[in-house]
Amino acid sequence: MLDEKIKALSRAAAAGGNNAMAGDLLGDLEKEIAQLKLDVNKNKEQLAREHERVNQELAQKATKEELADLEARMMQRLQDMFDQLRDMFPDKEALKKKLAAIEKNVSHYEPDLFKRCIFVTNALRLITADLSFL
């Protein structure tokens, strides 16, 4: 739009110049330039507000170092929880030895009790076999 008016002004000046027409075109150009300046200032202010908002948001964000530290703490916590869970289950070999010793001691006292004890120890062995994933 501005280019068209500048071209019209140039044509008017080349044609011998109609001063009234040239004055009208210059007045229109000045108005449009003033409007463009207002628009530029408005956009500049809007951009400054947006820039300030982004800076405020960035100030609240975590840095890469903070994220790396958080990841390390979370991984350590997971490892601690896994170790704690693993410690909750008995050692299979130690449990087998204890059960064999109990079975041997009980077999000397009463055969019926021995049969019940074998049943219990076999059940416990099955349970410990299921813990093989540990």
C-alpha atoms as a PDB file:
ATOM      1  CA  MET A   1       0.000   0.000   0.000  1.00  0.00           C
ATOM      2  CA  LEU A   2       2.814   2.369   0.918  1.00  0.00           C
ATOM      3  CA  ASP A   3       4.719   1.412  -2.237  1.00  0.00           C
ATOM      4  CA  GLU A   4       1.713   2.256  -4.397  1.00  0.00           C
ATOM      5  CA  LYS A   5       1.463   5.748  -2.918  1.00  0.00           C
ATOM      6  CA  ILE A   6       5.175   6.377  -3.385  1.00  0.00           C
ATOM      7  CA  LYS A   7       4.896   5.327  -7.045  1.00  0.00           C
ATOM      8  CA  ALA A   8       1.843   7.593  -7.503  1.00  0.00           C
ATOM      9  CA  LEU A   9       3.779  10.478  -5.958  1.00  0.00           C
ATOM     10  CA  SER A  10       6.685   9.840  -8.310  1.00  0.00           C
ATOM     11  CA  ARG A  11       4.358   9.781 -11.321  1.00  0.00           C
ATOM     12  CA  ALA A  12       2.708  13.011 -10.225  1.00  0.00           C
ATOM     13  CA  ALA A  13       6.068  14.717  -9.841  1.00  0.00           C
ATOM     14  CA  ALA A  14       7.249  13.425 -13.239  1.00  0.00           C
ATOM     15  CA  ALA A  15       4.066  14.573 -14.946  1.00  0.00           C
ATOM     16  CA  GLY A  16       4.648  18.184 -14.149  1.00  0.00           C
ATOM     17  CA  GLY A  17       3.514  17.976 -10.622  1.00  0.00           C
ATOM     18  CA  ASN A  18       0.032  18.578  -9.423  1.00  0.00           C
ATOM     19  CA  ASN A  19       0.884  20.114  -6.075  1.00  0.00           C
ATOM     20  CA  ALA A  20      -2.503  19.395  -4.548  1.00  0.00           C
ATOM     21  CA  MET A  21      -2.272  15.730  -5.515  1.00  0.00           C
ATOM     22  CA  ALA A  22       1.325  15.515  -4.321  1.00  0.00           C
ATOM     23  CA  GLY A  23       0.383  17.171  -1.039  1.00  0.00           C
ATOM     24  CA  ASP A  24      -2.456  14.707  -0.495  1.00  0.00           C
ATOM     25  CA  LEU A  25      -0.158  11.780  -1.218  1.00  0.00           C
ATOM     26  CA  LEU A  26       2.532  13.119   1.131  1.00  0.00           C
ATOM     27  CA  GLY A  27      -0.062  13.629   3.848  1.00  0.00           C
ATOM     28  CA  ASP A  28      -1.277  10.051   3.370  1.00  0.00           C
ATOM     29  CA  LEU A  29       2.303   8.804   3.502  1.00  0.00           C
ATOM     30  CA  GLU A  30       2.980  10.688   6.709  1.00  0.00           C
ATOM     31  CA  LYS A  31      -0.163   9.237   8.274  1.00  0.00           C
ATOM     32  CA  GLU A  32       0.812   5.724   7.260  1.00  0.00           C
ATOM     33  CA  ILE A  33       4.363   6.205   8.517  1.00  0.00           C
ATOM     34  CA  ALA A  34       2.994   7.474  11.843  1.00  0.00           C
ATOM     35  CA  GLN A  35       0.695   4.419  12.038  1.00  0.00           C
ATOM     36  CA  LEU A  36       3.608   2.112  11.234  1.00  0.00           C
ATOM     37  CA  LYS A  37       5.630   3.718  14.040  1.00  0.00           C
ATOM     38  CA  LEU A  38       2.731   3.146  16.446  1.00  0.00           C
ATOM     39  CA  ASP A  39       2.453  -0.472  15.311  1.00  0.00           C
ATOM     40  CA  VAL A  40       6.211  -0.990  15.727  1.00  0.00           C
ATOM     41  CA  ASN A  41       6.130   0.479  19.242  1.00  0.00           C
ATOM     42  CA  LYS A  42       3.087  -1.636  20.149  1.00  0.00           C
ATOM     43  CA  ASN A  43       4.778  -4.804  18.862  1.00  0.00           C
ATOM     44  CA  LYS A  44       7.992  -3.829  20.647  1.00  0.00           C
ATOM     45  CA  GLU A  45       6.145  -3.487  23.967  1.00  0.00           C
ATOM     46  CA  GLN A  46       4.312  -6.766  23.423  1.00  0.00           C
ATOM     47  CA  LEU A  47       7.590  -8.509  22.600  1.00  0.00           C
ATOM     48  CA  ALA A  48       9.203  -7.053  25.747  1.00  0.00           C
ATOM     49  CA  ARG A  49       6.326  -8.368  27.897  1.00  0.00           C
ATOM     50  CA  GLU A  50       6.572 -11.793  26.298  1.00  0.00           C
ATOM     51  CA  HIS A  51      10.345 -11.805  26.751  1.00  0.00           C
ATOM     52  CA  GLU A  52       9.936 -10.940  30.447  1.00  0.00           C
ATOM     53  CA  ARG A  53       7.361 -13.725  30.887  1.00  0.00           C
ATOM     54  CA  VAL A  54       9.717 -16.256  29.280  1.00  0.00           C
ATOM     55  CA  ASN A  55      12.581 -15.089  31.515  1.00  0.00           C
ATOM     56  CA  GLN A  56      10.400 -15.541  34.600  1.00  0.00           C
ATOM     57  CA  GLU A  57       9.441 -19.058  33.497  1.00  0.00           C
ATOM     58  CA  LEU A  58      13.067 -19.934  32.781  1.00  0.00           C
ATOM     59  CA  ALA A  59      14.062 -18.775  36.253  1.00  0.00           C
ATOM     60  CA  GLN A  60      11.733 -21.433  37.687  1.00  0.00           C
ATOM     61  CA  LYS A  61      13.023 -24.275  35.512  1.00  0.00           C
ATOM     62  CA  ALA A  62      15.598 -26.796  36.688  1.00  0.00           C
ATOM     63  CA  THR A  63      19.114 -26.675  35.295  1.00  0.00           C
ATOM     64  CA  LYS A  64      20.780 -29.654  33.653  1.00  0.00           C
ATOM     65  CA  GLU A  65      22.947 -30.115  36.728  1.00  0.00           C
ATOM     66  CA  GLU A  66      19.889 -30.181  38.986  1.00  0.00           C
ATOM     67  CA  LEU A  67      18.223 -32.759  36.730  1.00  0.00           C
ATOM     68  CA  ALA A  68      21.358 -34.910  36.690  1.00  0.00           C
ATOM     69  CA  ASP A  69      21.538 -34.720  40.496  1.00  0.00           C
ATOM     70  CA  LEU A  70      17.861 -35.667  40.774  1.00  0.00           C
ATOM     71  CA  GLU A  71      18.374 -38.626  38.445  1.00  0.00           C
ATOM     72  CA  ALA A  72      21.365 -39.839  40.499  1.00  0.00           C
ATOM     73  CA  ARG A  73      19.386 -39.564  43.749  1.00  0.00           C
ATOM     74  CA  MET A  74      16.425 -41.425  42.243  1.00  0.00           C
ATOM     75  CA  MET A  75      18.652 -44.206  40.911  1.00  0.00           C
ATOM     76  CA  GLN A  76      20.339 -44.541  44.322  1.00  0.00           C
ATOM     77  CA  ARG A  77      16.943 -44.691  46.024  1.00  0.00           C
ATOM     78  CA  LEU A  78      15.774 -47.399  43.596  1.00  0.00           C
ATOM     79  CA  GLN A  79      18.956 -49.391  44.274  1.00  0.00           C
ATOM     80  CA  ASP A  80      18.434 -49.051  48.036  1.00  0.00           C
ATOM     81  CA  MET A  81      14.839 -50.240  47.714  1.00  0.00           C
ATOM     82  CA  PHE A  82      15.915 -53.211  45.592  1.00  0.00           C
ATOM     83  CA  ASP A  83      18.603 -54.143  48.119  1.00  0.00           C
ATOM     84  CA  GLN A  84      16.091 -53.854  50.938  1.00  0.00           C
ATOM     85  CA  LEU A  85      13.638 -56.081  49.074  1.00  0.00           C
ATOM     86  CA  ARG A  86      16.350 -58.652  48.371  1.00  0.00           C
ATOM     87  CA  ASP A  87      17.329 -58.708  52.058  1.00  0.00           C
ATOM     88  CA  MET A  88      13.748 -59.542  53.004  1.00  0.00           C
ATOM     89  CA  PHE A  89      14.077 -63.036  51.514  1.00  0.00           C
ATOM     90  CA  PRO A  90      16.243 -65.674  53.176  1.00  0.00           C
ATOM     91  CA  ASP A  91      19.351 -67.110  51.612  1.00  0.00           C
ATOM     92  CA  LYS A  92      18.270 -70.325  49.874  1.00  0.00           C
ATOM     93  CA  GLU A  93      21.376 -72.343  50.683  1.00  0.00           C
ATOM     94  CA  ALA A  94      21.376 -71.395  54.353  1.00  0.00           C
ATOM     95  CA  LEU A  95      17.677 -72.198  54.600  1.00  0.00           C
ATOM     96  CA  LYS A  96      18.192 -75.625  52.981  1.00  0.00           C
ATOM     97  CA  LYS A  97      20.937 -76.448  55.479  1.00  0.00           C
ATOM     98  CA  LYS A  98      18.783 -75.424  58.416  1.00  0.00           C
ATOM     99  CA  LEU A  99      15.840 -77.466  57.146  1.00  0.00           C
ATOM    100  CA  ALA A 100      18.051 -80.533  56.662  1.00  0.00           C
ATOM    101  CA  ALA A 101      19.366 -80.162  60.224  1.00  0.00           C
ATOM    102  CA  ILE A 102      15.825 -79.870  61.605  1.00  0.00           C
ATOM    103  CA  GLU A 103      14.730 -82.880  59.581  1.00  0.00           C
ATOM    104  CA  LYS A 104      17.636 -84.931  60.913  1.00  0.00           C
ATOM    105  CA  ASN A 105      16.970 -83.934  64.519  1.00  0.00           C
ATOM    106  CA  VAL A 106      13.236 -84.601  64.309  1.00  0.00           C
ATOM    107  CA  SER A 107      13.633 -88.029  62.645  1.00  0.00           C
ATOM    108  CA  HIS A 108      15.158 -89.382  65.851  1.00  0.00           C
ATOM    109  CA  TYR A 109      12.174 -88.542  68.025  1.00  0.00           C
ATOM    110  CA  GLU A 110       8.950 -89.661  66.424  1.00  0.00           C
ATOM    111  CA  PRO A 111       8.267 -91.187  62.991  1.00  0.00           C
ATOM    112  CA  ASP A 112       4.810 -89.597  62.603  1.00  0.00           C
ATOM    113  CA  LEU A 113       6.189 -86.201  63.491  1.00  0.00           C
ATOM    114  CA  PHE A 114       9.004 -86.878  61.056  1.00  0.00           C
ATOM    115  CA  LYS A 115       6.506 -87.444  58.230  1.00  0.00           C
ATOM    116  CA  ARG A 116       4.768 -84.153  58.999  1.00  0.00           C
ATOM    117  CA  CYS A 117       8.096 -82.388  59.174  1.00  0.00           C
ATOM    118  CA  ILE A 118       9.124 -83.772  55.776  1.00  0.00           C
ATOM    119  CA  PHE A 119       5.873 -82.450  54.342  1.00  0.00           C
ATOM    120  CA  VAL A 120       6.583 -78.992  55.796  1.00  0.00           C
ATOM    121  CA  THR A 121      10.202 -79.007  54.630  1.00  0.00           C
ATOM    122  CA  ASN A 122       9.170 -80.048  51.136  1.00  0.00           C
ATOM    123  CA  ALA A 123       6.654 -77.205  51.071  1.00  0.00           C
ATOM    124  CA  LEU A 124       9.349 -74.796  52.213  1.00  0.00           C
ATOM    125  CA  ARG A 125      11.699 -76.108  49.524  1.00  0.00           C
ATOM    126  CA  LEU A 126       9.045 -75.428  46.915  1.00  0.00           C
ATOM    127  CA  ILE A 127       8.656 -71.917  48.234  1.00  0.00           C
ATOM    128  CA  THR A 128      12.387 -71.307  48.162  1.00  0.00           C
ATOM    129  CA  ALA A 129      12.556 -72.726  44.651  1.00  0.00           C
ATOM    130  CA  ASP A 130      10.058 -70.052  43.624  1.00  0.00           C
ATOM    131  CA  LEU A 131      12.451 -67.458  44.996  1.00  0.00           C
ATOM    132  CA  SER A 132      15.082 -68.447  42.458  1.00  0.00           C
ATOM    133  CA  PHE A 133      14.527 -65.199  40.576  1.00  0.00           C
ATOM    134  CA  LEU A 134      16.367 -63.422  43.399  1.00  0.00           C
END
